[in-house]
Amino acid sequence: MALEELRKKVLYQNSIEIWIGISKEKNIDWVNPESYQKFIAFLLKNNLNMKQMTICFDESDKATDGGHSKKVFANNLAAINNENSACYSIKLNDNAIELIRKFEL
């Protein structure tokens, strides 16, 4: 499972990477900013402990997933500039993963 792979890398992960991971598990197109905002709204509504953070993909960053640029996605979210388009740091413990997997579009 994609979320388990993320947890193996680091215990705290940013919400964009988590969004990409849960999108893979649920076969959702992760590049849609509106879907990401619904995901974050779900996590906030369910009181998941998250800390808002700044994420930056520099100009030389070639970070892609499935042929899509994470930098472009993050920039699109930043342009929206609201609580649901922000990036958060999330501790990927069992309870957090259980809640994240309950998200449905």
PDB file of N, CA and C in Angstrom:
ATOM      1  N   MET A   1       0.833  -1.189   0.000  1.00  0.00           N
ATOM      2  CA  MET A   1       0.000   0.000   0.000  1.00  0.00           C
ATOM      3  C   MET A   1       0.880   1.255   0.000  1.00  0.00           C
ATOM      4  N   ALA A   2       0.452   2.254  -0.714  1.00  0.00           N
ATOM      5  CA  ALA A   2       1.247   3.467  -0.889  1.00  0.00           C
ATOM      6  C   ALA A   2       1.494   4.204   0.430  1.00  0.00           C
ATOM      7  N   LEU A   3       0.505   4.254   1.310  1.00  0.00           N
ATOM      8  CA  LEU A   3       0.699   4.955   2.582  1.00  0.00           C
ATOM      9  C   LEU A   3       1.718   4.243   3.462  1.00  0.00           C
ATOM     10  N   GLU A   4       1.728   2.937   3.437  1.00  0.00           N
ATOM     11  CA  GLU A   4       2.712   2.171   4.215  1.00  0.00           C
ATOM     12  C   GLU A   4       4.126   2.451   3.700  1.00  0.00           C
ATOM     13  N   GLU A   5       4.266   2.600   2.394  1.00  0.00           N
ATOM     14  CA  GLU A   5       5.572   2.919   1.814  1.00  0.00           C
ATOM     15  C   GLU A   5       6.040   4.298   2.278  1.00  0.00           C
ATOM     16  N   LEU A   6       5.129   5.266   2.321  1.00  0.00           N
ATOM     17  CA  LEU A   6       5.484   6.599   2.804  1.00  0.00           C
ATOM     18  C   LEU A   6       5.935   6.549   4.255  1.00  0.00           C
ATOM     19  N   ARG A   7       5.231   5.767   5.080  1.00  0.00           N
ATOM     20  CA  ARG A   7       5.566   5.689   6.502  1.00  0.00           C
ATOM     21  C   ARG A   7       6.943   5.065   6.697  1.00  0.00           C
ATOM     22  N   LYS A   8       7.325   4.147   5.831  1.00  0.00           N
ATOM     23  CA  LYS A   8       8.651   3.541   5.935  1.00  0.00           C
ATOM     24  C   LYS A   8       9.750   4.559   5.689  1.00  0.00           C
ATOM     25  N   LYS A   9       9.474   5.571   4.866  1.00  0.00           N
ATOM     26  CA  LYS A   9      10.477   6.594   4.545  1.00  0.00           C
ATOM     27  C   LYS A   9      10.686   7.543   5.719  1.00  0.00           C
ATOM     28  N   VAL A  10       9.611   8.121   6.210  1.00  0.00           N
ATOM     29  CA  VAL A  10       9.665   9.054   7.347  1.00  0.00           C
ATOM     30  C   VAL A  10       8.344   9.004   8.096  1.00  0.00           C
ATOM     31  N   LEU A  11       8.384   9.270   9.388  1.00  0.00           N
ATOM     32  CA  LEU A  11       7.167   9.230  10.191  1.00  0.00           C
ATOM     33  C   LEU A  11       6.257  10.424   9.901  1.00  0.00           C
ATOM     34  N   TYR A  12       6.849  11.611   9.701  1.00  0.00           N
ATOM     35  CA  TYR A  12       6.079  12.807   9.352  1.00  0.00           C
ATOM     36  C   TYR A  12       6.214  13.026   7.853  1.00  0.00           C
ATOM     37  N   GLN A  13       5.085  13.249   7.201  1.00  0.00           N
ATOM     38  CA  GLN A  13       5.087  13.424   5.757  1.00  0.00           C
ATOM     39  C   GLN A  13       4.203  14.618   5.413  1.00  0.00           C
ATOM     40  N   ASN A  14       4.453  15.239   4.261  1.00  0.00           N
ATOM     41  CA  ASN A  14       3.601  16.368   3.878  1.00  0.00           C
ATOM     42  C   ASN A  14       2.322  15.851   3.224  1.00  0.00           C
ATOM     43  N   SER A  15       1.285  16.654   3.324  1.00  0.00           N
ATOM     44  CA  SER A  15      -0.043  16.236   2.871  1.00  0.00           C
ATOM     45  C   SER A  15      -0.124  16.022   1.361  1.00  0.00           C
ATOM     46  N   ILE A  16       0.733  16.663   0.590  1.00  0.00           N
ATOM     47  CA  ILE A  16       0.714  16.430  -0.858  1.00  0.00           C
ATOM     48  C   ILE A  16       1.190  15.015  -1.167  1.00  0.00           C
ATOM     49  N   GLU A  17       2.265  14.597  -0.532  1.00  0.00           N
ATOM     50  CA  GLU A  17       2.750  13.222  -0.724  1.00  0.00           C
ATOM     51  C   GLU A  17       1.714  12.208  -0.235  1.00  0.00           C
ATOM     52  N   ILE A  18       1.068  12.512   0.890  1.00  0.00           N
ATOM     53  CA  ILE A  18       0.026  11.622   1.416  1.00  0.00           C
ATOM     54  C   ILE A  18      -1.151  11.576   0.453  1.00  0.00           C
ATOM     55  N   TRP A  19      -1.527  12.724  -0.096  1.00  0.00           N
ATOM     56  CA  TRP A  19      -2.612  12.783  -1.084  1.00  0.00           C
ATOM     57  C   TRP A  19      -2.280  11.914  -2.300  1.00  0.00           C
ATOM     58  N   ILE A  20      -1.055  12.018  -2.774  1.00  0.00           N
ATOM     59  CA  ILE A  20      -0.649  11.194  -3.918  1.00  0.00           C
ATOM     60  C   ILE A  20      -0.726   9.716  -3.540  1.00  0.00           C
ATOM     61  N   GLY A  21      -0.284   9.367  -2.328  1.00  0.00           N
ATOM     62  CA  GLY A  21      -0.326   7.982  -1.885  1.00  0.00           C
ATOM     63  C   GLY A  21      -1.734   7.426  -1.779  1.00  0.00           C
ATOM     64  N   ILE A  22      -2.641   8.176  -1.156  1.00  0.00           N
ATOM     65  CA  ILE A  22      -4.016   7.678  -1.009  1.00  0.00           C
ATOM     66  C   ILE A  22      -4.715   7.669  -2.368  1.00  0.00           C
ATOM     67  N   SER A  23      -4.344   8.592  -3.244  1.00  0.00           N
ATOM     68  CA  SER A  23      -4.916   8.597  -4.591  1.00  0.00           C
ATOM     69  C   SER A  23      -4.533   7.327  -5.343  1.00  0.00           C
ATOM     70  N   LYS A  24      -3.298   6.888  -5.170  1.00  0.00           N
ATOM     71  CA  LYS A  24      -2.860   5.638  -5.796  1.00  0.00           C
ATOM     72  C   LYS A  24      -3.674   4.464  -5.260  1.00  0.00           C
ATOM     73  N   GLU A  25      -3.846   4.429  -3.937  1.00  0.00           N
ATOM     74  CA  GLU A  25      -4.592   3.327  -3.319  1.00  0.00           C
ATOM     75  C   GLU A  25      -6.040   3.287  -3.788  1.00  0.00           C
ATOM     76  N   LYS A  26      -6.629   4.460  -4.022  1.00  0.00           N
ATOM     77  CA  LYS A  26      -8.048   4.539  -4.381  1.00  0.00           C
ATOM     78  C   LYS A  26      -8.270   4.782  -5.873  1.00  0.00           C
ATOM     79  N   ASN A  27      -7.187   4.788  -6.638  1.00  0.00           N
ATOM     80  CA  ASN A  27      -7.268   5.005  -8.080  1.00  0.00           C
ATOM     81  C   ASN A  27      -7.956   6.336  -8.416  1.00  0.00           C
ATOM     82  N   ILE A  28      -7.502   7.390  -7.749  1.00  0.00           N
ATOM     83  CA  ILE A  28      -7.997   8.758  -7.949  1.00  0.00           C
ATOM     84  C   ILE A  28      -6.912   9.546  -8.687  1.00  0.00           C
ATOM     85  N   ASP A  29      -7.304  10.429  -9.593  1.00  0.00           N
ATOM     86  CA  ASP A  29      -6.354  11.293 -10.280  1.00  0.00           C
ATOM     87  C   ASP A  29      -5.914  12.388  -9.305  1.00  0.00           C
ATOM     88  N   TRP A  30      -4.666  12.330  -8.864  1.00  0.00           N
ATOM     89  CA  TRP A  30      -4.193  13.230  -7.809  1.00  0.00           C
ATOM     90  C   TRP A  30      -3.969  14.667  -8.266  1.00  0.00           C
ATOM     91  N   VAL A  31      -3.931  14.946  -9.546  1.00  0.00           N
ATOM     92  CA  VAL A  31      -3.579  16.291 -10.015  1.00  0.00           C
ATOM     93  C   VAL A  31      -4.741  17.284  -9.966  1.00  0.00           C
ATOM     94  N   ASN A  32      -5.899  16.878  -9.500  1.00  0.00           N
ATOM     95  CA  ASN A  32      -7.062  17.755  -9.418  1.00  0.00           C
ATOM     96  C   ASN A  32      -7.036  18.525  -8.091  1.00  0.00           C
ATOM     97  N   PRO A  33      -6.796  19.846  -8.123  1.00  0.00           N
ATOM     98  CA  PRO A  33      -6.744  20.628  -6.883  1.00  0.00           C
ATOM     99  C   PRO A  33      -8.051  20.589  -6.081  1.00  0.00           C
ATOM    100  N   GLU A  34      -9.188  20.495  -6.758  1.00  0.00           N
ATOM    101  CA  GLU A  34     -10.468  20.459  -6.048  1.00  0.00           C
ATOM    102  C   GLU A  34     -10.585  19.177  -5.211  1.00  0.00           C
ATOM    103  N   SER A  35     -10.100  18.070  -5.735  1.00  0.00           N
ATOM    104  CA  SER A  35     -10.134  16.811  -4.986  1.00  0.00           C
ATOM    105  C   SER A  35      -9.211  16.878  -3.774  1.00  0.00           C
ATOM    106  N   TYR A  36      -8.028  17.480  -3.948  1.00  0.00           N
ATOM    107  CA  TYR A  36      -7.102  17.661  -2.818  1.00  0.00           C
ATOM    108  C   TYR A  36      -7.766  18.498  -1.729  1.00  0.00           C
ATOM    109  N   GLN A  37      -8.449  19.570  -2.128  1.00  0.00           N
ATOM    110  CA  GLN A  37      -9.114  20.430  -1.148  1.00  0.00           C
ATOM    111  C   GLN A  37     -10.197  19.672  -0.382  1.00  0.00           C
ATOM    112  N   LYS A  38     -10.914  18.790  -1.052  1.00  0.00           N
ATOM    113  CA  LYS A  38     -11.922  17.959  -0.370  1.00  0.00           C
ATOM    114  C   LYS A  38     -11.247  17.014   0.614  1.00  0.00           C
ATOM    115  N   PHE A  39     -10.084  16.479   0.240  1.00  0.00           N
ATOM    116  CA  PHE A  39      -9.317  15.597   1.111  1.00  0.00           C
ATOM    117  C   PHE A  39      -8.886  16.343   2.373  1.00  0.00           C
ATOM    118  N   ILE A  40      -8.320  17.521   2.211  1.00  0.00           N
ATOM    119  CA  ILE A  40      -7.873  18.302   3.371  1.00  0.00           C
ATOM    120  C   ILE A  40      -9.071  18.715   4.222  1.00  0.00           C
ATOM    121  N   ALA A  41     -10.167  19.117   3.609  1.00  0.00           N
ATOM    122  CA  ALA A  41     -11.370  19.478   4.363  1.00  0.00           C
ATOM    123  C   ALA A  41     -11.844  18.292   5.206  1.00  0.00           C
ATOM    124  N   PHE A  42     -11.792  17.085   4.644  1.00  0.00           N
ATOM    125  CA  PHE A  42     -12.165  15.870   5.371  1.00  0.00           C
ATOM    126  C   PHE A  42     -11.258  15.670   6.583  1.00  0.00           C
ATOM    127  N   LEU A  43      -9.955  15.835   6.396  1.00  0.00           N
ATOM    128  CA  LEU A  43      -9.013  15.649   7.507  1.00  0.00           C
ATOM    129  C   LEU A  43      -9.225  16.699   8.592  1.00  0.00           C
ATOM    130  N   LEU A  44      -9.441  17.949   8.193  1.00  0.00           N
ATOM    131  CA  LEU A  44      -9.682  19.017   9.160  1.00  0.00           C
ATOM    132  C   LEU A  44     -10.987  18.776   9.919  1.00  0.00           C
ATOM    133  N   LYS A  45     -12.027  18.388   9.202  1.00  0.00           N
ATOM    134  CA  LYS A  45     -13.329  18.129   9.823  1.00  0.00           C
ATOM    135  C   LYS A  45     -13.230  17.000  10.858  1.00  0.00           C
ATOM    136  N   ASN A  46     -12.357  16.039  10.583  1.00  0.00           N
ATOM    137  CA  ASN A  46     -12.196  14.898  11.482  1.00  0.00           C
ATOM    138  C   ASN A  46     -11.065  15.099  12.492  1.00  0.00           C
ATOM    139  N   ASN A  47     -10.625  16.345  12.619  1.00  0.00           N
ATOM    140  CA  ASN A  47      -9.667  16.752  13.649  1.00  0.00           C
ATOM    141  C   ASN A  47      -8.352  15.989  13.640  1.00  0.00           C
ATOM    142  N   LEU A  48      -7.865  15.648  12.449  1.00  0.00           N
ATOM    143  CA  LEU A  48      -6.544  15.033  12.370  1.00  0.00           C
ATOM    144  C   LEU A  48      -5.509  16.085  12.765  1.00  0.00           C
ATOM    145  N   ASN A  49      -4.584  15.700  13.623  1.00  0.00           N
ATOM    146  CA  ASN A  49      -3.542  16.618  14.076  1.00  0.00           C
ATOM    147  C   ASN A  49      -2.584  16.898  12.913  1.00  0.00           C
ATOM    148  N   MET A  50      -2.646  18.117  12.399  1.00  0.00           N
ATOM    149  CA  MET A  50      -1.812  18.522  11.271  1.00  0.00           C
ATOM    150  C   MET A  50      -1.253  19.910  11.552  1.00  0.00           C
ATOM    151  N   LYS A  51      -0.060  20.146  11.064  1.00  0.00           N
ATOM    152  CA  LYS A  51       0.574  21.457  11.186  1.00  0.00           C
ATOM    153  C   LYS A  51       0.786  22.015   9.788  1.00  0.00           C
ATOM    154  N   GLN A  52       0.249  23.221   9.573  1.00  0.00           N
ATOM    155  CA  GLN A  52       0.419  23.852   8.259  1.00  0.00           C
ATOM    156  C   GLN A  52       1.901  24.145   8.041  1.00  0.00           C
ATOM    157  N   MET A  53       2.351  23.917   6.819  1.00  0.00           N
ATOM    158  CA  MET A  53       3.758  24.109   6.498  1.00  0.00           C
ATOM    159  C   MET A  53       3.903  24.688   5.100  1.00  0.00           C
ATOM    160  N   THR A  54       5.069  25.214   4.833  1.00  0.00           N
ATOM    161  CA  THR A  54       5.389  25.693   3.502  1.00  0.00           C
ATOM    162  C   THR A  54       6.123  24.575   2.782  1.00  0.00           C
ATOM    163  N   ILE A  55       5.735  24.336   1.557  1.00  0.00           N
ATOM    164  CA  ILE A  55       6.443  23.348   0.741  1.00  0.00           C
ATOM    165  C   ILE A  55       6.905  24.049  -0.512  1.00  0.00           C
ATOM    166  N   CYS A  56       8.122  23.739  -0.905  1.00  0.00           N
ATOM    167  CA  CYS A  56       8.698  24.404  -2.067  1.00  0.00           C
ATOM    168  C   CYS A  56       9.392  23.376  -2.939  1.00  0.00           C
ATOM    169  N   PHE A  57       9.036  23.365  -4.195  1.00  0.00           N
ATOM    170  CA  PHE A  57       9.743  22.571  -5.183  1.00  0.00           C
ATOM    171  C   PHE A  57      10.507  23.581  -6.027  1.00  0.00           C
ATOM    172  N   ASP A  58      11.839  23.580  -5.948  1.00  0.00           N
ATOM    173  CA  ASP A  58      12.597  24.601  -6.655  1.00  0.00           C
ATOM    174  C   ASP A  58      12.569  24.366  -8.170  1.00  0.00           C
ATOM    175  N   GLU A  59      13.065  25.336  -8.885  1.00  0.00           N
ATOM    176  CA  GLU A  59      12.988  25.318 -10.351  1.00  0.00           C
ATOM    177  C   GLU A  59      13.696  24.107 -10.962  1.00  0.00           C
ATOM    178  N   SER A  60      14.715  23.585 -10.271  1.00  0.00           N
ATOM    179  CA  SER A  60      15.438  22.441 -10.825  1.00  0.00           C
ATOM    180  C   SER A  60      14.787  21.114 -10.449  1.00  0.00           C
ATOM    181  N   ASP A  61      13.757  21.176  -9.610  1.00  0.00           N
ATOM    182  CA  ASP A  61      13.103  19.955  -9.137  1.00  0.00           C
ATOM    183  C   ASP A  61      12.354  19.282 -10.273  1.00  0.00           C
ATOM    184  N   LYS A  62      12.665  18.047 -10.498  1.00  0.00           N
ATOM    185  CA  LYS A  62      11.991  17.268 -11.538  1.00  0.00           C
ATOM    186  C   LYS A  62      11.029  16.256 -10.913  1.00  0.00           C
ATOM    187  N   ALA A  63      10.582  16.530  -9.680  1.00  0.00           N
ATOM    188  CA  ALA A  63       9.698  15.606  -8.973  1.00  0.00           C
ATOM    189  C   ALA A  63       8.404  15.416  -9.734  1.00  0.00           C
ATOM    190  N   THR A  64       8.193  14.196 -10.175  1.00  0.00           N
ATOM    191  CA  THR A  64       6.966  13.869 -10.883  1.00  0.00           C
ATOM    192  C   THR A  64       6.406  12.574 -10.330  1.00  0.00           C
ATOM    193  N   ASP A  65       5.150  12.370 -10.557  1.00  0.00           N
ATOM    194  CA  ASP A  65       4.502  11.127 -10.189  1.00  0.00           C
ATOM    195  C   ASP A  65       3.450  10.848 -11.242  1.00  0.00           C
ATOM    196  N   GLY A  66       3.568   9.733 -11.908  1.00  0.00           N
ATOM    197  CA  GLY A  66       2.625   9.403 -12.970  1.00  0.00           C
ATOM    198  C   GLY A  66       2.668  10.374 -14.128  1.00  0.00           C
ATOM    199  N   GLY A  67       3.831  11.000 -14.344  1.00  0.00           N
ATOM    200  CA  GLY A  67       3.969  11.944 -15.447  1.00  0.00           C
ATOM    201  C   GLY A  67       3.502  13.346 -15.126  1.00  0.00           C
ATOM    202  N   HIS A  68       3.061  13.596 -13.907  1.00  0.00           N
ATOM    203  CA  HIS A  68       2.588  14.923 -13.506  1.00  0.00           C
ATOM    204  C   HIS A  68       3.591  15.554 -12.543  1.00  0.00           C
ATOM    205  N   SER A  69       3.734  16.856 -12.622  1.00  0.00           N
ATOM    206  CA  SER A  69       4.694  17.585 -11.804  1.00  0.00           C
ATOM    207  C   SER A  69       4.113  17.933 -10.434  1.00  0.00           C
ATOM    208  N   LYS A  70       4.828  17.530  -9.397  1.00  0.00           N
ATOM    209  CA  LYS A  70       4.427  17.906  -8.038  1.00  0.00           C
ATOM    210  C   LYS A  70       4.588  19.410  -7.837  1.00  0.00           C
ATOM    211  N   LYS A  71       5.612  19.997  -8.469  1.00  0.00           N
ATOM    212  CA  LYS A  71       5.850  21.440  -8.350  1.00  0.00           C
ATOM    213  C   LYS A  71       4.678  22.219  -8.924  1.00  0.00           C
ATOM    214  N   VAL A  72       4.210  21.838 -10.094  1.00  0.00           N
ATOM    215  CA  VAL A  72       3.074  22.525 -10.716  1.00  0.00           C
ATOM    216  C   VAL A  72       1.836  22.375  -9.846  1.00  0.00           C
ATOM    217  N   PHE A  73       1.612  21.169  -9.319  1.00  0.00           N
ATOM    218  CA  PHE A  73       0.457  20.932  -8.451  1.00  0.00           C
ATOM    219  C   PHE A  73       0.535  21.804  -7.196  1.00  0.00           C
ATOM    220  N   ALA A  74       1.702  21.841  -6.544  1.00  0.00           N
ATOM    221  CA  ALA A  74       1.877  22.662  -5.344  1.00  0.00           C
ATOM    222  C   ALA A  74       1.671  24.141  -5.654  1.00  0.00           C
ATOM    223  N   ASN A  75       2.167  24.598  -6.800  1.00  0.00           N
ATOM    224  CA  ASN A  75       1.977  26.000  -7.195  1.00  0.00           C
ATOM    225  C   ASN A  75       0.508  26.310  -7.460  1.00  0.00           C
ATOM    226  N   ASN A  76      -0.208  25.375  -8.073  1.00  0.00           N
ATOM    227  CA  ASN A  76      -1.644  25.569  -8.310  1.00  0.00           C
ATOM    228  C   ASN A  76      -2.391  25.681  -6.985  1.00  0.00           C
ATOM    229  N   LEU A  77      -2.012  24.864  -6.012  1.00  0.00           N
ATOM    230  CA  LEU A  77      -2.646  24.940  -4.691  1.00  0.00           C
ATOM    231  C   LEU A  77      -2.315  26.263  -4.003  1.00  0.00           C
ATOM    232  N   ALA A  78      -1.072  26.687  -4.099  1.00  0.00           N
ATOM    233  CA  ALA A  78      -0.656  27.947  -3.467  1.00  0.00           C
ATOM    234  C   ALA A  78      -1.424  29.133  -4.037  1.00  0.00           C
ATOM    235  N   ALA A  79      -1.753  29.080  -5.318  1.00  0.00           N
ATOM    236  CA  ALA A  79      -2.498  30.173  -5.952  1.00  0.00           C
ATOM    237  C   ALA A  79      -3.924  30.266  -5.410  1.00  0.00           C
ATOM    238  N   ILE A  80      -4.475  29.152  -4.944  1.00  0.00           N
ATOM    239  CA  ILE A  80      -5.826  29.141  -4.375  1.00  0.00           C
ATOM    240  C   ILE A  80      -5.810  29.813  -3.011  1.00  0.00           C
ATOM    241  N   ASN A  81      -4.792  29.518  -2.209  1.00  0.00           N
ATOM    242  CA  ASN A  81      -4.515  30.216  -0.951  1.00  0.00           C
ATOM    243  C   ASN A  81      -5.671  30.197   0.043  1.00  0.00           C
ATOM    244  N   ASN A  82      -6.103  29.009   0.445  1.00  0.00           N
ATOM    245  CA  ASN A  82      -7.043  28.895   1.553  1.00  0.00           C
ATOM    246  C   ASN A  82      -6.650  27.700   2.425  1.00  0.00           C
ATOM    247  N   GLU A  83      -7.343  27.506   3.500  1.00  0.00           N
ATOM    248  CA  GLU A  83      -7.022  26.441   4.453  1.00  0.00           C
ATOM    249  C   GLU A  83      -7.017  25.057   3.804  1.00  0.00           C
ATOM    250  N   ASN A  84      -7.921  24.834   2.870  1.00  0.00           N
ATOM    251  CA  ASN A  84      -8.031  23.524   2.234  1.00  0.00           C
ATOM    252  C   ASN A  84      -7.027  23.309   1.099  1.00  0.00           C
ATOM    253  N   SER A  85      -6.360  24.367   0.658  1.00  0.00           N
ATOM    254  CA  SER A  85      -5.353  24.211  -0.391  1.00  0.00           C
ATOM    255  C   SER A  85      -3.940  24.251   0.172  1.00  0.00           C
ATOM    256  N   ALA A  86      -3.828  24.414   1.483  1.00  0.00           N
ATOM    257  CA  ALA A  86      -2.516  24.484   2.131  1.00  0.00           C
ATOM    258  C   ALA A  86      -1.873  23.107   2.207  1.00  0.00           C
ATOM    259  N   CYS A  87      -0.586  23.117   2.492  1.00  0.00           N
ATOM    260  CA  CYS A  87       0.157  21.883   2.712  1.00  0.00           C
ATOM    261  C   CYS A  87       0.357  21.730   4.218  1.00  0.00           C
ATOM    262  N   TYR A  88       0.247  20.507   4.701  1.00  0.00           N
ATOM    263  CA  TYR A  88       0.352  20.212   6.124  1.00  0.00           C
ATOM    264  C   TYR A  88       1.359  19.103   6.372  1.00  0.00           C
ATOM    265  N   SER A  89       1.919  19.113   7.559  1.00  0.00           N
ATOM    266  CA  SER A  89       2.754  18.022   8.033  1.00  0.00           C
ATOM    267  C   SER A  89       1.856  17.096   8.848  1.00  0.00           C
ATOM    268  N   ILE A  90       1.919  15.800   8.533  1.00  0.00           N
ATOM    269  CA  ILE A  90       1.052  14.821   9.179  1.00  0.00           C
ATOM    270  C   ILE A  90       1.900  13.663   9.674  1.00  0.00           C
ATOM    271  N   LYS A  91       1.695  13.277  10.927  1.00  0.00           N
ATOM    272  CA  LYS A  91       2.361  12.104  11.485  1.00  0.00           C
ATOM    273  C   LYS A  91       1.603  10.864  11.009  1.00  0.00           C
ATOM    274  N   LEU A  92       2.285  10.002  10.273  1.00  0.00           N
ATOM    275  CA  LEU A  92       1.639   8.816   9.712  1.00  0.00           C
ATOM    276  C   LEU A  92       1.655   7.657  10.719  1.00  0.00           C
ATOM    277  N   ASN A  93       0.864   7.813  11.773  1.00  0.00           N
ATOM    278  CA  ASN A  93       0.698   6.696  12.703  1.00  0.00           C
ATOM    279  C   ASN A  93      -0.520   5.882  12.269  1.00  0.00           C
ATOM    280  N   ASP A  94      -0.791   4.787  12.978  1.00  0.00           N
ATOM    281  CA  ASP A  94      -1.893   3.900  12.594  1.00  0.00           C
ATOM    282  C   ASP A  94      -3.238   4.621  12.549  1.00  0.00           C
ATOM    283  N   ASN A  95      -3.508   5.472  13.552  1.00  0.00           N
ATOM    284  CA  ASN A  95      -4.791   6.186  13.590  1.00  0.00           C
ATOM    285  C   ASN A  95      -4.940   7.140  12.411  1.00  0.00           C
ATOM    286  N   ALA A  96      -3.870   7.838  12.070  1.00  0.00           N
ATOM    287  CA  ALA A  96      -3.925   8.771  10.939  1.00  0.00           C
ATOM    288  C   ALA A  96      -4.163   8.012   9.635  1.00  0.00           C
ATOM    289  N   ILE A  97      -3.455   6.926   9.440  1.00  0.00           N
ATOM    290  CA  ILE A  97      -3.629   6.144   8.210  1.00  0.00           C
ATOM    291  C   ILE A  97      -5.044   5.581   8.124  1.00  0.00           C
ATOM    292  N   GLU A  98      -5.576   5.132   9.249  1.00  0.00           N
ATOM    293  CA  GLU A  98      -6.953   4.611   9.261  1.00  0.00           C
ATOM    294  C   GLU A  98      -7.942   5.696   8.830  1.00  0.00           C
ATOM    295  N   LEU A  99      -7.794   6.903   9.372  1.00  0.00           N
ATOM    296  CA  LEU A  99      -8.678   8.007   8.994  1.00  0.00           C
ATOM    297  C   LEU A  99      -8.488   8.385   7.530  1.00  0.00           C
ATOM    298  N   ILE A 100      -7.262   8.512   7.085  1.00  0.00           N
ATOM    299  CA  ILE A 100      -6.975   8.891   5.701  1.00  0.00           C
ATOM    300  C   ILE A 100      -7.636   7.912   4.738  1.00  0.00           C
ATOM    301  N   ARG A 101      -7.593   6.654   5.060  1.00  0.00           N
ATOM    302  CA  ARG A 101      -8.183   5.631   4.171  1.00  0.00           C
ATOM    303  C   ARG A 101      -9.712   5.671   4.155  1.00  0.00           C
ATOM    304  N   LYS A 102     -10.329   6.372   5.089  1.00  0.00           N
ATOM    305  CA  LYS A 102     -11.783   6.519   5.093  1.00  0.00           C
ATOM    306  C   LYS A 102     -12.261   7.591   4.120  1.00  0.00           C
ATOM    307  N   PHE A 103     -11.337   8.398   3.615  1.00  0.00           N
ATOM    308  CA  PHE A 103     -11.715   9.468   2.689  1.00  0.00           C
ATOM    309  C   PHE A 103     -12.301   8.885   1.414  1.00  0.00           C
ATOM    310  N   GLU A 104     -13.422   9.468   0.987  1.00  0.00           N
ATOM    311  CA  GLU A 104     -14.068   9.101  -0.286  1.00  0.00           C
ATOM    312  C   GLU A 104     -14.422  10.386  -1.015  1.00  0.00           C
ATOM    313  N   LEU A 105     -14.221  10.376  -2.323  1.00  0.00           N
ATOM    314  CA  LEU A 105     -14.625  11.535  -3.132  1.00  0.00           C
ATOM    315  C   LEU A 105     -16.118  11.526  -3.352  1.00  0.00           C
TER     316      LEU A 105
END
